[in-house]
Protein backbone atom coordinates (compact mmCIF):
# COMPACT_ATOMS: atom_id res chain seq x y z
CA UNK A 1 0.00 0.00 0.00
CA UNK A 2 1.22 3.49 -0.85
CA UNK A 3 0.33 6.85 0.62
CA UNK A 4 -1.23 9.38 -1.74
CA UNK A 5 2.02 11.35 -1.77
CA UNK A 6 4.15 8.28 -2.52
CA UNK A 7 1.81 7.11 -5.28
CA UNK A 8 1.80 10.57 -6.85
CA UNK A 9 5.60 10.65 -6.81
CA UNK A 10 5.86 7.17 -8.34
CA UNK A 11 3.56 8.14 -11.20
CA UNK A 12 5.46 11.40 -11.79
CA UNK A 13 8.73 9.46 -11.84
CA UNK A 14 7.33 6.93 -14.33
CA UNK A 15 6.11 9.70 -16.62
CA UNK A 16 9.55 11.33 -16.46
CA UNK A 17 11.18 7.96 -17.25
CA UNK A 18 9.16 7.46 -20.44
CA UNK A 19 11.10 8.99 -23.38
CA UNK A 20 7.88 9.47 -25.35
CA UNK A 21 6.67 12.08 -22.87
CA UNK A 22 7.43 15.59 -21.74
CA UNK A 23 6.39 14.95 -18.17
CA UNK A 24 6.46 18.61 -17.12
CA UNK A 25 3.32 19.16 -19.22
CA UNK A 26 1.31 16.60 -17.24
CA UNK A 27 -0.10 17.10 -13.76
CA UNK A 28 -0.61 14.16 -11.39
CA UNK A 29 -2.94 13.86 -8.41
CA UNK A 30 -3.52 10.75 -6.30
CA UNK A 31 -6.15 9.88 -3.73
CA UNK A 32 -6.94 6.43 -2.32
CA UNK A 33 -5.41 4.65 -5.31
CA UNK A 34 -7.18 6.84 -7.90
CA UNK A 35 -4.74 8.76 -10.07
CA UNK A 36 -5.83 11.79 -12.10
CA UNK A 37 -3.75 13.03 -15.01
CA UNK A 38 -4.25 16.60 -16.27
CA UNK A 39 -2.56 19.13 -18.49
CA UNK A 40 -1.98 19.54 -22.22
CA UNK A 41 0.07 17.52 -24.70
CA UNK A 42 0.92 18.13 -28.35
CA UNK A 43 -0.48 14.93 -29.84
CA UNK A 44 -2.70 11.97 -29.07
CA UNK A 45 0.25 9.58 -28.99
CA UNK A 46 1.59 11.42 -25.92
CA UNK A 47 -1.80 11.29 -24.20
CA UNK A 48 -1.95 7.54 -24.79
CA UNK A 49 1.64 7.07 -23.58
CA UNK A 50 0.88 9.00 -20.38
CA UNK A 51 -2.12 6.83 -19.60
CA UNK A 52 -0.15 3.66 -20.31
CA UNK A 53 2.75 4.80 -18.13
CA UNK A 54 0.47 5.63 -15.19
CA UNK A 55 -1.18 2.21 -15.37
CA UNK A 56 2.23 0.55 -15.09
CA UNK A 57 2.74 1.93 -11.60
CA UNK A 58 2.03 -0.40 -8.69
CA UNK A 59 -0.75 0.87 -6.43
CA UNK A 60 -2.81 2.54 -9.17
CA UNK A 61 -6.33 1.16 -8.78
CA UNK A 62 -8.15 3.53 -11.13
CA UNK A 63 -7.15 6.23 -13.59
CA UNK A 64 -8.90 9.44 -14.61
CA UNK A 65 -7.34 10.81 -17.78
CA UNK A 66 -8.12 14.52 -18.13
CA UNK A 67 -5.15 15.31 -20.37
CA UNK A 68 -6.13 17.44 -23.38
CA UNK A 69 -4.56 17.27 -26.84
CA UNK A 70 -3.63 20.71 -28.17
CA UNK A 71 -2.13 20.37 -31.63
CA UNK A 72 0.57 22.72 -32.80
CA UNK A 73 -0.57 24.84 -35.79
CA UNK A 74 1.79 22.98 -38.15
CA UNK A 75 0.34 19.62 -37.00
CA UNK A 76 -3.30 20.40 -37.71
CA UNK A 77 -4.92 18.53 -40.60
CA UNK A 78 -8.43 18.61 -41.98
CA UNK A 79 -10.63 15.56 -41.48
CA UNK A 80 -10.38 14.48 -45.13
CA UNK A 81 -6.58 14.38 -45.01
CA UNK A 82 -6.67 12.42 -41.74
CA UNK A 83 -9.13 9.90 -43.20
CA UNK A 84 -6.88 9.32 -46.20
CA UNK A 85 -3.87 8.90 -43.90
CA UNK A 86 -5.74 6.32 -41.80
CA UNK A 87 -6.72 4.26 -44.85
CA UNK A 88 -3.18 4.42 -46.23
CA UNK A 89 -1.86 3.28 -42.87
CA UNK A 90 -4.15 0.25 -42.97
CA UNK A 91 -2.84 -0.67 -46.41
CA UNK A 92 0.74 -0.73 -45.12
CA UNK A 93 -0.09 -2.71 -41.95
CA UNK A 94 -0.32 -6.44 -42.68
CA UNK A 95 -2.19 -7.03 -39.40
CA UNK A 96 -5.12 -4.82 -40.41
CA UNK A 97 -7.85 -6.17 -42.73
CA UNK A 98 -8.63 -2.72 -44.15
CA UNK A 99 -11.59 -3.93 -46.19
CA UNK A 100 -13.45 -4.78 -42.95
CA UNK A 101 -12.98 -1.49 -41.11
CA UNK A 102 -14.95 1.73 -41.54
CA UNK A 103 -13.39 5.06 -40.61
CA UNK A 104 -15.13 8.24 -39.48
CA UNK A 105 -13.24 11.45 -38.65
CA UNK A 106 -14.76 14.47 -36.95
CA UNK A 107 -12.66 17.41 -35.77
CA UNK A 108 -9.57 15.21 -35.61
CA UNK A 109 -11.27 12.44 -33.65
CA UNK A 110 -11.11 9.08 -35.43
CA UNK A 111 -13.81 6.43 -34.91
CA UNK A 112 -13.18 2.88 -36.11
CA UNK A 113 -16.03 0.44 -36.77
CA UNK A 114 -16.40 -2.98 -38.34
CA UNK A 115 -15.83 -6.66 -37.61
CA UNK A 116 -12.56 -8.59 -37.49
CA UNK A 117 -11.75 -12.18 -36.54
CA UNK A 118 -9.02 -11.52 -33.97
CA UNK A 119 -8.38 -9.00 -31.22
CA UNK A 120 -4.81 -8.38 -32.44
CA UNK A 121 -6.34 -7.01 -35.65
CA UNK A 122 -8.55 -4.64 -33.67
CA UNK A 123 -5.55 -3.44 -31.63
CA UNK A 124 -3.38 -3.10 -34.74
CA UNK A 125 -5.96 -0.87 -36.40
CA UNK A 126 -5.99 1.50 -33.42
CA UNK A 127 -2.19 1.50 -33.16
CA UNK A 128 -1.98 2.52 -36.83
CA UNK A 129 -4.01 5.65 -36.06
CA UNK A 130 -2.58 6.86 -32.75
CA UNK A 131 0.61 8.43 -34.09
CA UNK A 132 -0.81 10.08 -37.22
CA UNK A 133 -0.39 13.83 -37.48
CA UNK A 134 -3.60 15.72 -36.69
CA UNK A 135 -5.30 12.97 -34.69
CA UNK A 136 -6.79 14.23 -31.41
CA UNK A 137 -8.32 10.97 -30.21
CA UNK A 138 -9.43 7.47 -31.20
CA UNK A 139 -12.62 5.53 -30.47
CA UNK A 140 -12.12 1.87 -31.28
CA UNK A 141 -15.59 0.38 -31.83
CA UNK A 142 -14.35 -2.58 -33.89
CA UNK A 143 -15.96 -5.88 -32.88
CA UNK A 144 -14.24 -9.25 -32.81
CA UNK A 145 -16.41 -11.79 -34.60
CA UNK A 146 -14.36 -14.99 -34.95
CA UNK A 147 -15.49 -18.02 -36.89
CA UNK A 148 -13.88 -20.62 -34.61
CA UNK A 149 -15.41 -22.70 -31.83
CA UNK A 150 -15.41 -21.38 -28.26
CA UNK A 151 -16.04 -24.74 -26.57
CA UNK A 152 -12.55 -25.00 -25.07
CA UNK A 153 -11.75 -21.31 -24.67
CA UNK A 154 -11.90 -21.43 -20.84
CA UNK A 155 -9.28 -24.16 -20.64
CA UNK A 156 -6.98 -22.44 -23.15
CA UNK A 157 -7.06 -19.17 -21.20
CA UNK A 158 -6.43 -20.88 -17.86
CA UNK A 159 -3.45 -22.70 -19.39
CA UNK A 160 -2.10 -19.45 -20.78
CA UNK A 161 -2.38 -17.72 -17.40
CA UNK A 162 -0.40 -20.52 -15.76
CA UNK A 163 2.39 -20.00 -18.30
CA UNK A 164 2.65 -16.28 -17.49
CA UNK A 165 5.42 -15.86 -14.90
CA UNK A 166 4.06 -12.49 -13.75
CA UNK A 167 0.52 -13.73 -13.01
CA UNK A 168 -0.53 -15.75 -9.99
CA UNK A 169 -3.12 -17.79 -11.87
CA UNK A 170 -4.78 -19.29 -8.79
CA UNK A 171 -6.17 -15.85 -7.93
CA UNK A 172 -7.83 -15.41 -11.34
CA UNK A 173 -11.13 -17.10 -12.15
CA UNK A 174 -12.18 -17.55 -15.78
CA UNK A 175 -15.67 -18.16 -17.14
CA UNK A 176 -16.74 -18.29 -20.77
CA UNK A 177 -20.11 -18.25 -22.49
CA UNK A 178 -20.99 -17.69 -26.15
CA UNK A 179 -17.71 -15.96 -26.95
CA UNK A 180 -17.71 -13.74 -23.85
CA UNK A 181 -14.94 -14.32 -21.31
CA UNK A 182 -15.24 -12.97 -17.77
CA UNK A 183 -12.20 -12.55 -15.54
CA UNK A 184 -12.65 -12.27 -11.78
CA UNK A 185 -10.29 -12.21 -8.84
CA UNK A 186 -7.36 -10.12 -7.63
CA UNK A 187 -4.02 -9.26 -9.21
CA UNK A 188 -1.08 -7.33 -7.82
CA UNK A 189 -0.78 -4.57 -10.43
CA UNK A 190 -2.28 -3.02 -13.55
CA UNK A 191 0.44 -4.80 -15.54
CA UNK A 192 -0.82 -8.19 -14.32
CA UNK A 193 -4.39 -7.15 -15.05
CA UNK A 194 -3.48 -6.12 -18.60
CA UNK A 195 -1.53 -9.36 -19.13
CA UNK A 196 -4.52 -11.42 -17.99
CA UNK A 197 -6.83 -9.52 -20.33
CA UNK A 198 -4.43 -9.97 -23.24
CA UNK A 199 -4.29 -13.71 -22.53
CA UNK A 200 -8.08 -13.85 -22.68
CA UNK A 201 -8.24 -11.91 -25.96
CA UNK A 202 -5.59 -14.17 -27.50
CA UNK A 203 -7.77 -17.28 -27.18
CA UNK A 204 -9.70 -18.41 -30.27
CA UNK A 205 -13.41 -17.70 -30.24
CA UNK A 206 -13.30 -14.67 -27.92
CA UNK A 207 -15.59 -11.81 -28.96
CA UNK A 208 -15.70 -9.88 -25.70
CA UNK A 209 -13.73 -9.78 -22.44
CA UNK A 210 -15.31 -8.56 -19.21
CA UNK A 211 -12.40 -7.66 -16.99
CA UNK A 212 -13.68 -7.64 -13.41
CA UNK A 213 -10.25 -8.13 -11.87
CA UNK A 214 -9.31 -5.86 -8.99
CA UNK A 215 -5.84 -4.58 -8.20
CA UNK A 216 -4.83 -5.19 -4.62
CA UNK A 217 -2.78 -7.18 -2.14
CA UNK A 218 -2.92 -10.97 -2.57
């Protein structure tokens, strides 16, 4: 357990450690395990990196991301140019089935829709957009609609969790029904929680993951 002051300092230090960030532009507040990020950054990639860095810190139970993206004048693009850049990015990314994804852009905010067979394709599509010039935010509404059986998905996920050195699998309960996997239990950090969720998404037949894991002391 960390005091609010110690947790705030740890998050600030992690932000400063990340070379993708200018940590002085981001404010950090902490109260009872809830960390709030504030301030302004120059692109969406920095906002995403700040959120990811904060979640890596032990003791962070919840995160409120109030960081705003303020583009430099030379980085602003109209929505048509951004849409073309997104589609071109999909063409060059072998993990993205571009013919299955629809793109909407409004005031620099990109919304992705469509159906793919695997979660890694959904994640790859979002990753292709995050670093594009002019993007202020991304809403990933892509659904995973696999064509494989889900009959043994529970066993595959439990086996995967046991192989992960950083996860104490006996504290994670897995249930699966009609392509939806639910994770319950307690993990020691946000990193463990993210690893458990990734393991669930990596199983064949998974269309949705309900992550009900809590971060706490085992």
